[in-house]
Amino acid sequence: MRRLRGKQPGPFSKGEGRLLNAFAHLAKPLGLGVFRIAAVSRACRCFLASESGHDSFWRQVFEEKISLKKIKKCDAACKALFARIPSGLQSLDLLLSKVEWYCRERESISEEALKVLTTKLGNLKKLSLDMSCHDEELQTELMRSLPSTLDSLSLAMNMEEGVVEVMAQNLPRNLSSLAVDFHMMLEGDLSAFLKAVPRCLKHLRLGLAEVLSKKDLPHLGAVIKGNAGLESLVLDLENNGDCTGKGLVQVVQSFPPQLRQLEVRMTQLDLKHPGLGRAFAAGLAQLRQLQSLVLDFEESRLNPNASFASDVLSAVQSELSECSLNFAACDVAPGSLASIADLLSRQHRLQRLHLDLRAQEVNGVVPGIAKRWPNITDLSLSFFNSDLSGPTMDVLSAALPRNLTSFKLNIDGCSQLAPKNIETLLRKLPAGLAHLDLELEWKTVCGAKEIKFPPLLQTLRFHCSALYEPGSNQARFVQAFCGAIQPLKVQSLKLGFAMCDFSLESAAKLAKCLPTSLRELEMNVDGVVNATDTTQRWEETLRPLQIRFGEGVQIPQEGSSSEDRREKLSSLFALLR
């Protein structure tokens, strides 16, 4: 279109108008749920600012989601863009977290642009706003502009001093859905907000990482209990030092019985209060309609002799369709982890299961769990740095559900595994698998003589970590790997061999064997490489891929192959051992 090639704006031709309408009609059928503007040129700004009537096109755009992550001329572009928001718009989703506001050092969005935006918010029923801004006046103006017509509100931002109170005063009273993430709030009275939360919600999501105080816990419990019609509840209580004792007990006892979705993240907390496990169990036991359960206790402090995990998991009585459990780096006794198998034995409708048992003793647990997931279609397992042994790994491989379509496995740091266990895993992957995500140890996977992937894969992520150990079987591995991926019809391939003994020759072979169906490629081969493999030679090999697929293809830079770096890494890894 001539308008997009830099010519001055004027009346749109019939052909251009049809093209614009075609964009609008094709957005949803093609699955383009996220409409992204990556950069705005002078010509595009002229197009946005034109007075021609194309509101049907812009309504289609703004009914979805717009991201301004990489806008360069952000103020002029945003003013033009905001001005084109249709006045009768019902739903607006703005991602402004990468845009600078009122920044003197470089171009930013001005107060005038904000005023243009706020005048367009009046009739919205759904608003989602994600922004990073440290200007109190701007935040306050946005909070005062929240439409009273809103049914759904999602806010994610740092709050400056006094802004929380303003938000509390201007929260729409008829909300059915509220999601607020304070991004580790800088200042403000959280209790004022909690007291103002409407009591007619069906969906509540609160990101409260590092912002809660002991005095806020009773108010939080009252908010949850007061919304008797809640169907979904998401709480992020990460790293709140005051989240202990009776206050936390009140929160977990307040779950409304008709909840269908519950997600609680209690990472890096002290959960040793003697009554907390029983209170949590009592709160879960009454949720007979629960379908989706997410419990995250990563790096939290549990009493290893107590039955916290057993109490909590045994209390679940409903039939779940989705379950995610994270006990990574917790002091959980193996006997208590066995309650996961007991929970799964009651879940005949479970389709999605995510388990994170990093740094746990899992050999006695995995066989019992593996017998309990015949109907799973989406499975995610992390045994990073655990004691997972070869025989246990083989049991897991043999027990993978045959109707599995998505599988994610992290066995990095599992030093007891041998190459033959990797071969068995790849050979046992279900034939209908569409999405595969593997994190492995380089020295283990390099010893595998046979690499095989399911024929119907659409996306593959294959990441290896390494303590630098030269003399690996990389040539044999690369040959087997290339032979396995070349006939596939994958559209997305993400390869990570950073810090592995991966040569330029191997990278060149890999580049030549990529599937013809590939649409997205990420490749990281940076690390300790042969000193003769200069940056120039790497660029000659990988630049064509970078031109085709973008910056996701990373080219090793000068110094990554130096002897000095080798010595430093070898010393560091020796200490880690």
Protein backbone atom coordinates (compact mmCIF):
# COMPACT_ATOMS: atom_id res chain seq x y z
CA MET A 1 0.00 0.00 0.00
CA ARG A 2 1.36 3.38 -0.97
CA ARG A 3 0.41 4.84 2.40
CA LEU A 4 2.71 2.36 4.10
CA ARG A 5 5.58 3.23 1.82
CA GLY A 6 5.91 6.78 3.12
CA LYS A 7 3.60 8.88 0.97
CA GLN A 8 1.40 11.56 2.48
CA PRO A 9 -2.04 10.52 3.75
CA GLY A 10 -5.02 10.99 1.50
CA PRO A 11 -8.28 9.25 0.66
CA PHE A 12 -7.99 5.47 0.75
CA SER A 13 -8.71 3.66 -2.48
CA LYS A 14 -11.39 1.00 -2.69
CA GLY A 15 -8.67 -1.63 -2.90
CA GLU A 16 -6.96 -0.34 0.25
CA GLY A 17 -10.28 -0.26 2.05
CA ARG A 18 -10.98 -3.86 1.11
CA LEU A 19 -7.51 -4.84 2.33
CA LEU A 20 -8.12 -3.19 5.70
CA ASN A 21 -11.45 -4.96 6.05
CA ALA A 22 -9.78 -8.23 5.09
CA PHE A 23 -7.28 -7.80 7.93
CA ALA A 24 -10.18 -7.35 10.33
CA HIS A 25 -12.08 -10.40 9.12
CA LEU A 26 -9.01 -12.65 8.98
CA ALA A 27 -7.68 -11.80 12.45
CA LYS A 28 -9.77 -14.33 14.36
CA PRO A 29 -9.93 -17.19 11.81
CA LEU A 30 -6.16 -17.14 11.47
CA GLY A 31 -5.73 -17.33 15.22
CA LEU A 32 -4.15 -13.91 15.51
CA GLY A 33 -5.41 -13.32 19.03
CA VAL A 34 -2.62 -10.85 19.72
CA PHE A 35 -2.28 -7.94 17.30
CA ARG A 36 1.24 -6.55 17.70
CA ILE A 37 2.64 -3.28 16.47
CA ALA A 38 6.38 -3.83 16.62
CA ALA A 39 7.48 -0.48 15.19
CA VAL A 40 5.73 2.62 13.90
CA SER A 41 7.27 4.43 10.94
CA ARG A 42 6.37 7.93 9.78
CA ALA A 43 4.08 6.44 7.15
CA CYS A 44 2.33 4.23 9.66
CA ARG A 45 1.79 7.16 12.03
CA CYS A 46 0.19 9.07 9.17
CA PHE A 47 -2.06 6.10 8.55
CA LEU A 48 -3.07 5.92 12.22
CA ALA A 49 -3.81 9.64 12.35
CA SER A 50 -5.87 9.73 9.15
CA GLU A 51 -9.46 10.83 9.38
CA SER A 52 -10.81 8.16 7.07
CA GLY A 53 -13.53 6.05 8.57
CA HIS A 54 -12.20 2.58 9.27
CA ASP A 55 -13.61 2.10 12.74
CA SER A 56 -14.66 -1.46 12.00
CA PHE A 57 -11.01 -2.37 11.41
CA TRP A 58 -9.77 -0.63 14.54
CA ARG A 59 -12.58 -2.10 16.61
CA GLN A 60 -11.38 -5.53 15.54
CA VAL A 61 -7.82 -4.63 16.55
CA PHE A 62 -8.72 -3.24 19.94
CA GLU A 63 -11.22 -5.98 20.78
CA GLU A 64 -8.14 -8.18 20.96
CA LYS A 65 -4.86 -6.98 22.44
CA ILE A 66 -2.28 -4.43 21.45
CA SER A 67 1.35 -4.51 22.49
CA LEU A 68 3.53 -1.40 22.37
CA LYS A 69 6.69 -3.20 23.48
CA LYS A 70 8.99 -2.04 20.71
CA ILE A 71 7.49 1.29 19.71
CA LYS A 72 10.19 3.81 18.83
CA LYS A 73 8.28 7.06 18.20
CA CYS A 74 6.06 6.18 21.13
CA ASP A 75 4.41 9.55 21.93
CA ALA A 76 3.28 10.43 18.41
CA ALA A 77 2.31 6.83 17.71
CA CYS A 78 0.37 6.39 20.96
CA LYS A 79 -1.56 9.63 20.55
CA ALA A 80 -2.55 8.62 17.02
CA LEU A 81 -3.34 5.11 18.16
CA PHE A 82 -5.37 6.14 21.21
CA ALA A 83 -7.29 8.68 19.10
CA ARG A 84 -8.48 5.86 16.84
CA ILE A 85 -10.02 3.82 19.65
CA PRO A 86 -13.74 3.61 18.79
CA SER A 87 -15.94 5.49 21.23
CA GLY A 88 -18.29 2.55 21.73
CA LEU A 89 -15.54 0.02 22.47
CA GLN A 90 -16.45 -2.71 24.98
CA SER A 91 -13.10 -4.41 25.56
CA LEU A 92 -9.54 -3.01 25.66
CA ASP A 93 -6.31 -4.84 26.50
CA LEU A 94 -3.18 -2.64 26.57
CA LEU A 95 0.34 -3.87 27.22
CA LEU A 96 2.38 -0.77 28.06
CA SER A 97 4.93 -2.32 30.42
CA LYS A 98 7.86 -1.47 28.12
CA VAL A 99 6.80 2.10 27.35
CA GLU A 100 8.44 5.06 29.10
CA TRP A 101 6.15 7.66 30.65
CA TYR A 102 7.30 11.21 31.32
CA CYS A 103 10.96 10.29 30.84
CA ARG A 104 13.18 13.31 30.17
CA GLU A 105 16.28 11.40 29.07
CA ARG A 106 14.60 9.89 26.00
CA GLU A 107 11.36 10.17 24.11
CA SER A 108 8.41 9.02 26.16
CA ILE A 109 4.64 9.18 26.29
CA SER A 110 3.39 12.62 27.24
CA GLU A 111 0.57 13.82 29.45
CA GLU A 112 -1.38 14.74 26.31
CA ALA A 113 -1.25 11.12 25.13
CA LEU A 114 -2.56 9.97 28.51
CA LYS A 115 -5.49 12.39 28.27
CA VAL A 116 -6.36 11.03 24.84
CA LEU A 117 -6.42 7.52 26.33
CA THR A 118 -8.50 8.39 29.40
CA THR A 119 -11.19 10.06 27.28
CA LYS A 120 -11.69 6.73 25.48
CA LEU A 121 -12.30 4.61 28.58
CA GLY A 122 -15.81 5.79 29.40
CA ASN A 123 -17.98 2.92 28.06
CA LEU A 124 -15.67 -0.03 28.56
CA LYS A 125 -16.92 -3.24 30.13
CA LYS A 126 -13.54 -4.98 30.10
CA LEU A 127 -10.16 -3.31 30.69
CA SER A 128 -6.72 -4.93 30.99
CA LEU A 129 -3.74 -2.64 31.58
CA ASP A 130 -0.16 -3.77 32.17
CA MET A 131 2.31 -0.92 32.62
CA SER A 132 5.53 0.00 34.33
CA CYS A 133 5.39 3.57 35.55
CA HIS A 134 6.77 5.41 38.58
CA ASP A 135 4.89 8.67 38.11
CA GLU A 136 2.35 9.16 40.90
CA GLU A 137 0.31 11.79 39.05
CA LEU A 138 -0.09 9.58 35.99
CA GLN A 139 -1.08 6.56 38.07
CA THR A 140 -3.56 8.62 40.05
CA GLU A 141 -5.16 10.01 36.86
CA LEU A 142 -5.56 6.50 35.47
CA MET A 143 -7.18 5.25 38.66
CA ARG A 144 -9.62 8.16 38.65
CA SER A 145 -10.51 7.37 35.03
CA LEU A 146 -11.64 3.80 35.70
CA PRO A 147 -15.12 3.51 34.12
CA SER A 148 -17.95 2.65 36.48
CA THR A 149 -19.37 0.46 33.69
CA LEU A 150 -16.54 -2.08 34.03
CA ASP A 151 -17.46 -5.71 34.55
CA SER A 152 -13.87 -7.00 34.28
CA LEU A 153 -10.70 -5.20 35.40
CA SER A 154 -7.08 -6.37 35.23
CA LEU A 155 -4.28 -4.09 36.48
CA ALA A 156 -0.57 -4.81 36.76
CA MET A 157 1.75 -2.03 37.94
CA ASN A 158 3.93 -0.71 40.73
CA MET A 159 1.96 1.56 43.01
CA GLU A 160 3.41 4.85 44.23
CA GLU A 161 2.52 6.35 47.58
CA GLY A 162 -1.16 7.24 47.85
CA VAL A 163 -2.20 5.57 44.56
CA VAL A 164 -3.52 2.43 46.28
CA GLU A 165 -5.98 4.54 48.26
CA VAL A 166 -7.11 6.32 45.09
CA MET A 167 -7.65 2.98 43.36
CA ALA A 168 -9.65 1.76 46.35
CA GLN A 169 -11.91 4.81 46.12
CA ASN A 170 -12.50 4.35 42.38
CA LEU A 171 -12.92 0.58 42.04
CA PRO A 172 -16.14 -0.11 40.06
CA ARG A 173 -18.70 -1.63 42.39
CA ASN A 174 -20.29 -4.09 39.91
CA LEU A 175 -17.19 -6.02 38.91
CA SER A 176 -17.52 -9.75 38.36
CA SER A 177 -13.80 -10.23 37.58
CA LEU A 178 -10.85 -8.48 39.26
CA ALA A 179 -7.14 -9.14 38.76
CA VAL A 180 -4.52 -6.91 40.41
CA ASP A 181 -0.76 -7.48 40.43
CA PHE A 182 1.11 -4.90 42.45
CA HIS A 183 4.53 -5.74 40.94
CA MET A 184 6.12 -5.58 44.41
CA MET A 185 4.34 -2.34 45.29
CA LEU A 186 6.58 0.54 46.32
CA GLU A 187 4.26 2.40 48.69
CA GLY A 188 0.64 2.41 49.82
CA ASP A 189 -1.88 0.99 52.27
CA LEU A 190 -2.85 -2.44 51.00
CA SER A 191 -5.57 -2.85 53.62
CA ALA A 192 -7.45 0.11 52.08
CA PHE A 193 -7.59 -1.75 48.77
CA LEU A 194 -8.62 -5.06 50.37
CA LYS A 195 -11.48 -3.37 52.23
CA ALA A 196 -12.71 -1.84 48.96
CA VAL A 197 -12.75 -5.04 46.88
CA PRO A 198 -16.36 -5.67 45.73
CA ARG A 199 -18.24 -8.60 47.26
CA CYS A 200 -19.92 -9.67 43.99
CA LEU A 201 -16.90 -11.22 42.27
CA LYS A 202 -16.84 -14.51 40.37
CA HIS A 203 -13.14 -14.33 39.51
CA LEU A 204 -10.40 -12.92 41.74
CA ARG A 205 -6.65 -12.83 41.05
CA LEU A 206 -4.30 -11.06 43.47
CA GLY A 207 -0.54 -10.76 42.89
CA LEU A 208 0.71 -9.87 46.36
CA ALA A 209 4.38 -10.82 46.14
CA GLU A 210 6.40 -8.99 48.82
CA VAL A 211 3.61 -6.54 49.65
CA LEU A 212 1.61 -8.16 52.47
CA SER A 213 1.99 -7.31 56.13
CA LYS A 214 0.62 -9.22 59.11
CA LYS A 215 -2.20 -6.74 59.54
CA ASP A 216 -3.36 -7.34 55.94
CA LEU A 217 -3.99 -11.07 56.37
CA PRO A 218 -7.37 -10.76 58.17
CA HIS A 219 -8.58 -8.37 55.45
CA LEU A 220 -7.44 -10.80 52.76
CA GLY A 221 -9.33 -13.64 54.43
CA ALA A 222 -12.43 -11.42 54.69
CA VAL A 223 -12.26 -10.54 50.97
CA ILE A 224 -12.18 -14.22 49.97
CA LYS A 225 -14.86 -15.31 52.41
CA GLY A 226 -17.05 -12.30 51.62
CA ASN A 227 -17.21 -13.18 47.91
CA ALA A 228 -19.48 -16.16 48.36
CA GLY A 229 -20.02 -16.46 44.60
CA LEU A 230 -16.34 -16.90 43.70
CA GLU A 231 -15.69 -19.51 41.01
CA SER A 232 -11.95 -18.93 40.54
CA LEU A 233 -9.33 -17.68 42.99
CA VAL A 234 -5.64 -17.03 42.29
CA LEU A 235 -3.36 -15.89 45.13
CA ASP A 236 0.34 -15.11 44.82
CA LEU A 237 1.79 -14.69 48.32
CA GLU A 238 5.44 -15.12 47.35
CA ASN A 239 8.18 -13.99 49.70
CA ASN A 240 6.02 -12.25 52.30
CA GLY A 241 7.85 -12.54 55.61
CA ASP A 242 4.71 -11.81 57.64
CA CYS A 243 2.63 -14.56 56.00
CA THR A 244 2.79 -16.91 58.97
CA GLY A 245 0.76 -18.07 61.94
CA LYS A 246 -2.92 -17.58 62.59
CA GLY A 247 -3.38 -14.93 59.90
CA LEU A 248 -2.38 -17.36 57.19
CA VAL A 249 -4.58 -20.05 58.72
CA GLN A 250 -7.55 -17.68 58.36
CA VAL A 251 -6.77 -17.16 54.68
CA VAL A 252 -6.65 -20.87 53.75
CA GLN A 253 -9.83 -21.56 55.72
CA SER A 254 -11.76 -18.90 53.81
CA PHE A 255 -12.06 -20.70 50.43
CA PRO A 256 -15.70 -20.50 49.21
CA PRO A 257 -17.09 -24.04 48.74
CA GLN A 258 -18.23 -23.52 45.12
CA LEU A 259 -14.72 -22.73 43.78
CA ARG A 260 -13.96 -24.38 40.45
CA GLN A 261 -10.39 -23.05 40.08
CA LEU A 262 -7.88 -22.52 42.90
CA GLU A 263 -4.30 -21.37 42.49
CA VAL A 264 -2.20 -20.61 45.57
CA ARG A 265 1.48 -19.70 45.38
CA MET A 266 3.22 -19.77 48.76
CA THR A 267 6.83 -19.72 47.60
CA GLN A 268 9.66 -18.83 49.97
CA LEU A 269 7.40 -18.70 53.02
CA ASP A 270 7.69 -20.11 56.53
CA LEU A 271 4.91 -22.74 56.63
CA LYS A 272 5.94 -24.46 59.85
CA HIS A 273 2.92 -23.27 61.83
CA PRO A 274 1.58 -26.49 63.43
CA GLY A 275 -2.03 -25.95 62.42
CA LEU A 276 -1.49 -24.73 58.88
CA GLY A 277 -1.53 -28.15 57.17
CA ARG A 278 -4.79 -29.11 58.89
CA ALA A 279 -6.32 -25.71 58.12
CA PHE A 280 -5.33 -25.99 54.47
CA ALA A 281 -6.81 -29.48 54.36
CA ALA A 282 -10.07 -28.25 55.88
CA GLY A 283 -10.25 -25.47 53.29
CA LEU A 284 -9.70 -27.89 50.40
CA ALA A 285 -12.00 -30.62 51.68
CA GLN A 286 -15.11 -28.50 51.18
CA LEU A 287 -14.32 -27.69 47.52
CA ARG A 288 -16.45 -30.44 45.96
CA GLN A 289 -16.77 -28.66 42.59
CA LEU A 290 -13.06 -27.94 42.16
CA GLN A 291 -11.77 -28.71 38.65
CA SER A 292 -8.39 -26.95 38.51
CA LEU A 293 -5.89 -26.97 41.40
CA VAL A 294 -2.48 -25.26 41.45
CA LEU A 295 -0.38 -25.40 44.64
CA ASP A 296 3.11 -23.92 44.62
CA PHE A 297 5.29 -24.29 47.73
CA GLU A 298 8.69 -23.85 46.06
CA GLU A 299 11.51 -23.11 48.52
CA SER A 300 9.07 -22.74 51.40
CA ARG A 301 10.07 -23.96 54.83
CA LEU A 302 8.15 -27.04 55.89
CA ASN A 303 8.78 -29.25 58.88
CA PRO A 304 10.24 -32.41 57.30
CA ASN A 305 8.82 -34.52 60.13
CA ALA A 306 5.32 -33.12 59.75
CA SER A 307 2.67 -34.37 57.33
CA PHE A 308 1.95 -31.04 55.61
CA ALA A 309 1.95 -32.45 52.06
CA SER A 310 -0.03 -35.53 53.06
CA ASP A 311 -2.65 -33.50 54.93
CA VAL A 312 -3.14 -31.08 52.06
CA LEU A 313 -3.23 -33.57 49.17
CA SER A 314 -5.35 -36.18 50.89
CA ALA A 315 -8.04 -33.54 51.51
CA VAL A 316 -8.84 -33.09 47.81
CA GLN A 317 -12.12 -34.92 47.17
CA SER A 318 -13.33 -33.43 43.89
CA GLU A 319 -12.58 -34.79 40.41
CA LEU A 320 -9.96 -32.54 38.82
CA SER A 321 -9.28 -31.92 35.14
CA GLU A 322 -6.05 -30.00 35.86
CA CYS A 323 -3.54 -30.30 38.70
CA SER A 324 -0.19 -28.57 39.26
CA LEU A 325 1.94 -29.28 42.35
CA ASN A 326 5.29 -27.68 43.13
CA PHE A 327 7.34 -28.95 46.07
CA ALA A 328 10.71 -27.93 44.61
CA ALA A 329 13.52 -27.47 47.14
CA CYS A 330 11.24 -28.08 50.12
CA ASP A 331 12.01 -30.33 53.10
CA VAL A 332 9.42 -32.95 52.22
CA ALA A 333 9.83 -36.51 53.41
CA PRO A 334 9.58 -39.14 50.61
CA GLY A 335 6.72 -40.78 52.47
CA SER A 336 4.79 -37.54 52.37
CA LEU A 337 5.41 -37.17 48.62
CA ALA A 338 3.83 -40.59 48.15
CA SER A 339 0.49 -38.89 48.83
CA ILE A 340 0.71 -37.51 45.26
CA ALA A 341 0.09 -41.04 43.97
CA ASP A 342 -2.87 -41.39 46.33
CA LEU A 343 -4.30 -38.10 45.03
CA LEU A 344 -3.90 -39.19 41.41
CA SER A 345 -5.59 -42.53 42.09
CA ARG A 346 -8.84 -40.62 42.69
CA GLN A 347 -8.54 -38.44 39.57
CA HIS A 348 -10.10 -40.36 36.69
CA ARG A 349 -10.82 -37.23 34.62
CA LEU A 350 -7.40 -35.61 35.00
CA GLN A 351 -6.08 -34.34 31.66
CA ARG A 352 -3.30 -31.92 32.65
CA LEU A 353 -0.70 -32.74 35.30
CA HIS A 354 2.33 -30.64 36.25
CA LEU A 355 4.70 -31.89 38.97
CA ASP A 356 7.83 -30.08 40.13
CA LEU A 357 9.93 -32.23 42.47
CA ARG A 358 13.31 -30.57 41.99
CA ALA A 359 15.96 -31.50 44.56
CA GLN A 360 13.75 -34.20 46.10
CA GLU A 361 14.23 -37.91 46.74
CA VAL A 362 11.99 -39.27 44.00
CA ASN A 363 13.09 -42.85 43.31
CA GLY A 364 10.54 -44.27 45.71
CA VAL A 365 7.79 -41.95 44.48
CA VAL A 366 7.92 -41.97 40.67
CA PRO A 367 6.86 -45.63 40.07
CA GLY A 368 3.70 -45.14 42.15
CA ILE A 369 2.86 -41.88 40.41
CA ALA A 370 3.52 -43.25 36.92
CA LYS A 371 0.76 -45.86 37.34
CA ARG A 372 -1.85 -43.17 37.94
CA TRP A 373 -1.99 -41.07 34.76
CA PRO A 374 -3.51 -43.14 31.93
CA ASN A 375 -5.81 -40.31 30.70
CA ILE A 376 -3.30 -37.45 30.85
CA THR A 377 -2.85 -35.47 27.60
CA ASP A 378 -0.62 -32.67 28.97
CA LEU A 379 2.21 -33.78 31.29
CA SER A 380 5.00 -31.65 32.79
CA LEU A 381 7.61 -33.15 35.13
CA SER A 382 10.69 -31.59 36.71
CA PHE A 383 13.21 -33.78 38.54
CA PHE A 384 16.05 -31.28 38.27
CA ASN A 385 18.96 -32.14 40.56
CA SER A 386 17.06 -35.03 42.12
CA ASP A 387 18.22 -38.60 42.83
CA LEU A 388 16.34 -40.00 39.81
CA SER A 389 18.05 -43.26 38.85
CA GLY A 390 18.28 -45.10 35.53
CA PRO A 391 15.83 -47.90 36.40
CA THR A 392 13.29 -45.39 37.74
CA MET A 393 13.66 -43.33 34.56
CA ASP A 394 12.95 -46.42 32.47
CA VAL A 395 9.79 -47.11 34.50
CA LEU A 396 8.63 -43.55 33.86
CA SER A 397 9.35 -43.84 30.11
CA ALA A 398 7.38 -47.07 29.82
CA ALA A 399 4.41 -45.58 31.69
CA LEU A 400 3.93 -42.46 29.56
CA PRO A 401 0.24 -42.16 28.55
CA ARG A 402 -0.37 -43.25 24.98
CA ASN A 403 -2.73 -40.31 24.25
CA LEU A 404 -0.19 -37.72 25.42
CA THR A 405 -0.04 -34.65 23.14
CA SER A 406 2.19 -32.33 25.21
CA PHE A 407 5.16 -33.45 27.33
CA LYS A 408 7.71 -31.41 29.27
CA LEU A 409 10.53 -33.09 31.19
CA ASN A 410 13.46 -31.61 33.11
CA ILE A 411 16.06 -34.19 34.11
CA ASP A 412 19.01 -31.81 34.15
CA GLY A 413 21.30 -32.49 37.09
CA CYS A 414 20.21 -36.12 37.42
CA SER A 415 23.74 -37.51 37.49
CA GLN A 416 22.71 -41.16 37.86
CA LEU A 417 21.17 -41.32 34.38
CA ALA A 418 23.04 -42.97 31.51
CA PRO A 419 22.80 -42.45 27.72
CA LYS A 420 20.77 -45.66 27.37
CA ASN A 421 18.07 -44.16 29.59
CA ILE A 422 17.77 -41.20 27.20
CA GLU A 423 17.52 -43.59 24.26
CA THR A 424 14.74 -45.49 26.04
CA LEU A 425 12.87 -42.28 26.80
CA LEU A 426 12.95 -41.06 23.20
CA ARG A 427 11.96 -44.49 21.89
CA LYS A 428 8.96 -44.67 24.26
CA LEU A 429 7.52 -41.22 23.48
CA PRO A 430 3.90 -41.57 22.28
CA ALA A 431 3.47 -41.47 18.51
CA GLY A 432 0.81 -38.73 18.66
CA LEU A 433 2.94 -36.27 20.66
CA ALA A 434 2.69 -32.74 19.22
CA HIS A 435 4.68 -30.66 21.73
CA LEU A 436 7.93 -31.80 23.38
CA ASP A 437 10.13 -29.86 25.81
CA LEU A 438 13.27 -31.56 27.16
CA GLU A 439 16.01 -30.28 29.48
CA LEU A 440 18.93 -32.69 29.73
CA GLU A 441 22.58 -32.98 30.68
CA TRP A 442 24.93 -32.65 27.73
CA LYS A 443 27.34 -35.36 28.83
CA THR A 444 24.45 -37.83 29.16
CA VAL A 445 22.61 -37.08 25.95
CA CYS A 446 25.88 -36.95 23.95
CA GLY A 447 26.49 -40.60 24.70
CA ALA A 448 23.21 -41.69 23.12
CA LYS A 449 23.72 -43.67 19.92
CA GLU A 450 20.14 -43.32 18.72
CA ILE A 451 17.98 -40.18 18.67
CA LYS A 452 14.34 -40.59 17.73
CA PHE A 453 11.39 -38.18 17.88
CA PRO A 454 7.65 -38.80 17.35
CA PRO A 455 6.65 -38.16 13.70
CA LEU A 456 3.82 -35.70 14.42
CA LEU A 457 5.78 -33.16 16.48
CA GLN A 458 4.81 -29.53 15.86
CA THR A 459 7.03 -27.86 18.47
CA LEU A 460 10.33 -29.08 19.93
CA ARG A 461 12.42 -27.49 22.65
CA PHE A 462 15.70 -29.31 23.31
CA HIS A 463 18.01 -27.71 25.88
CA CYS A 464 21.22 -29.17 27.25
CA SER A 465 23.31 -27.90 30.15
CA ALA A 466 26.96 -28.73 30.65
CA LEU A 467 29.85 -28.50 32.98
CA TYR A 468 32.60 -27.96 30.45
CA GLU A 469 34.14 -31.35 29.70
CA PRO A 470 35.98 -31.50 26.35
CA GLY A 471 36.09 -34.65 24.30
CA SER A 472 32.35 -35.36 24.22
CA ASN A 473 30.72 -37.48 21.53
CA GLN A 474 29.23 -34.38 19.94
CA ALA A 475 29.92 -35.44 16.33
CA ARG A 476 27.98 -38.69 16.77
CA PHE A 477 25.21 -36.92 18.66
CA VAL A 478 24.83 -34.16 16.05
CA GLN A 479 24.69 -36.71 13.25
CA ALA A 480 21.97 -38.67 15.06
CA PHE A 481 20.11 -35.49 16.04
CA CYS A 482 20.14 -34.12 12.49
CA GLY A 483 18.86 -37.43 11.15
CA ALA A 484 16.01 -37.32 13.70
CA ILE A 485 14.78 -33.76 13.10
CA GLN A 486 15.22 -33.44 9.32
CA PRO A 487 12.16 -35.53 8.32
CA LEU A 488 9.93 -33.88 10.93
CA LYS A 489 7.29 -31.26 10.08
CA VAL A 490 7.89 -29.11 13.16
CA GLN A 491 7.04 -25.43 12.91
CA SER A 492 8.84 -24.25 16.07
CA LEU A 493 12.31 -25.42 17.13
CA LYS A 494 14.20 -24.11 20.16
CA LEU A 495 17.69 -25.46 20.71
CA GLY A 496 19.95 -24.66 23.63
CA PHE A 497 23.55 -25.85 23.71
CA ALA A 498 25.03 -22.91 25.62
CA MET A 499 28.20 -23.80 27.53
CA CYS A 500 28.33 -27.19 25.81
CA ASP A 501 31.34 -28.54 23.91
CA PHE A 502 29.59 -27.64 20.64
CA SER A 503 31.79 -26.85 17.65
CA LEU A 504 31.29 -24.65 14.60
CA GLU A 505 31.34 -27.76 12.43
CA SER A 506 28.45 -29.24 14.42
CA ALA A 507 26.48 -25.99 14.15
CA ALA A 508 27.01 -25.96 10.38
CA LYS A 509 25.69 -29.53 10.06
CA LEU A 510 22.68 -28.63 12.19
CA ALA A 511 21.94 -25.55 10.08
CA LYS A 512 21.80 -27.67 6.92
CA CYS A 513 19.45 -30.27 8.38
CA LEU A 514 16.63 -28.04 9.63
CA PRO A 515 13.12 -29.19 8.65
CA THR A 516 11.67 -27.39 5.61
CA SER A 517 8.44 -26.76 7.54
CA LEU A 518 10.20 -24.59 10.15
CA ARG A 519 8.62 -21.20 10.89
CA GLU A 520 10.30 -20.32 14.20
CA LEU A 521 13.86 -21.04 15.31
CA GLU A 522 15.79 -20.21 18.46
CA MET A 523 19.33 -21.52 18.74
CA ASN A 524 21.97 -20.80 21.38
CA VAL A 525 25.34 -22.46 20.87
CA ASP A 526 27.37 -19.82 22.73
CA GLY A 527 29.83 -21.06 25.32
CA VAL A 528 33.20 -22.72 25.53
CA VAL A 529 34.10 -23.41 21.92
CA ASN A 530 37.22 -24.20 19.94
CA ALA A 531 39.66 -21.28 19.96
CA THR A 532 39.92 -21.40 16.14
CA ASP A 533 36.18 -20.83 15.74
CA THR A 534 36.27 -17.03 15.45
CA THR A 535 33.26 -14.76 15.59
CA GLN A 536 33.63 -14.13 11.85
CA ARG A 537 33.39 -17.83 11.05
CA TRP A 538 30.38 -18.20 13.34
CA GLU A 539 28.70 -15.25 11.60
CA GLU A 540 29.31 -16.74 8.17
CA THR A 541 27.62 -19.95 9.30
CA LEU A 542 24.71 -18.61 11.34
CA ARG A 543 23.98 -15.20 9.79
CA PRO A 544 21.68 -16.69 7.08
CA LEU A 545 19.62 -18.34 9.84
CA GLN A 546 19.53 -15.08 11.82
CA ILE A 547 18.33 -13.18 8.76
CA ARG A 548 15.59 -15.74 8.20
CA PHE A 549 14.47 -16.37 11.77
CA GLY A 550 15.57 -13.28 13.71
CA GLU A 551 17.63 -12.60 16.82
CA GLY A 552 16.58 -15.87 18.43
CA VAL A 553 19.53 -17.36 16.58
CA GLN A 554 22.47 -16.21 18.71
CA ILE A 555 25.96 -15.86 17.27
CA PRO A 556 28.91 -16.43 19.66
CA GLN A 557 30.93 -13.26 20.14
CA GLU A 558 34.64 -12.64 20.48
CA GLY A 559 35.94 -13.86 23.82
CA SER A 560 33.47 -16.68 24.27
CA SER A 561 36.15 -19.12 23.14
CA SER A 562 39.11 -17.69 25.00
CA GLU A 563 41.45 -19.82 27.07
CA ASP A 564 40.91 -17.43 29.96
CA ARG A 565 37.22 -18.19 29.97
CA ARG A 566 37.94 -21.90 29.81
CA GLU A 567 40.12 -21.69 32.90
CA LYS A 568 37.62 -19.59 34.85
CA LEU A 569 34.74 -21.92 34.02
CA SER A 570 36.75 -25.02 34.81
CA SER A 571 37.67 -23.53 38.20
CA LEU A 572 34.08 -22.56 38.91
CA PHE A 573 32.70 -25.98 37.98
CA ALA A 574 35.36 -27.67 40.09
CA LEU A 575 34.09 -25.71 43.09
CA LEU A 576 30.47 -26.61 42.28
CA ARG A 577 31.33 -30.30 42.25
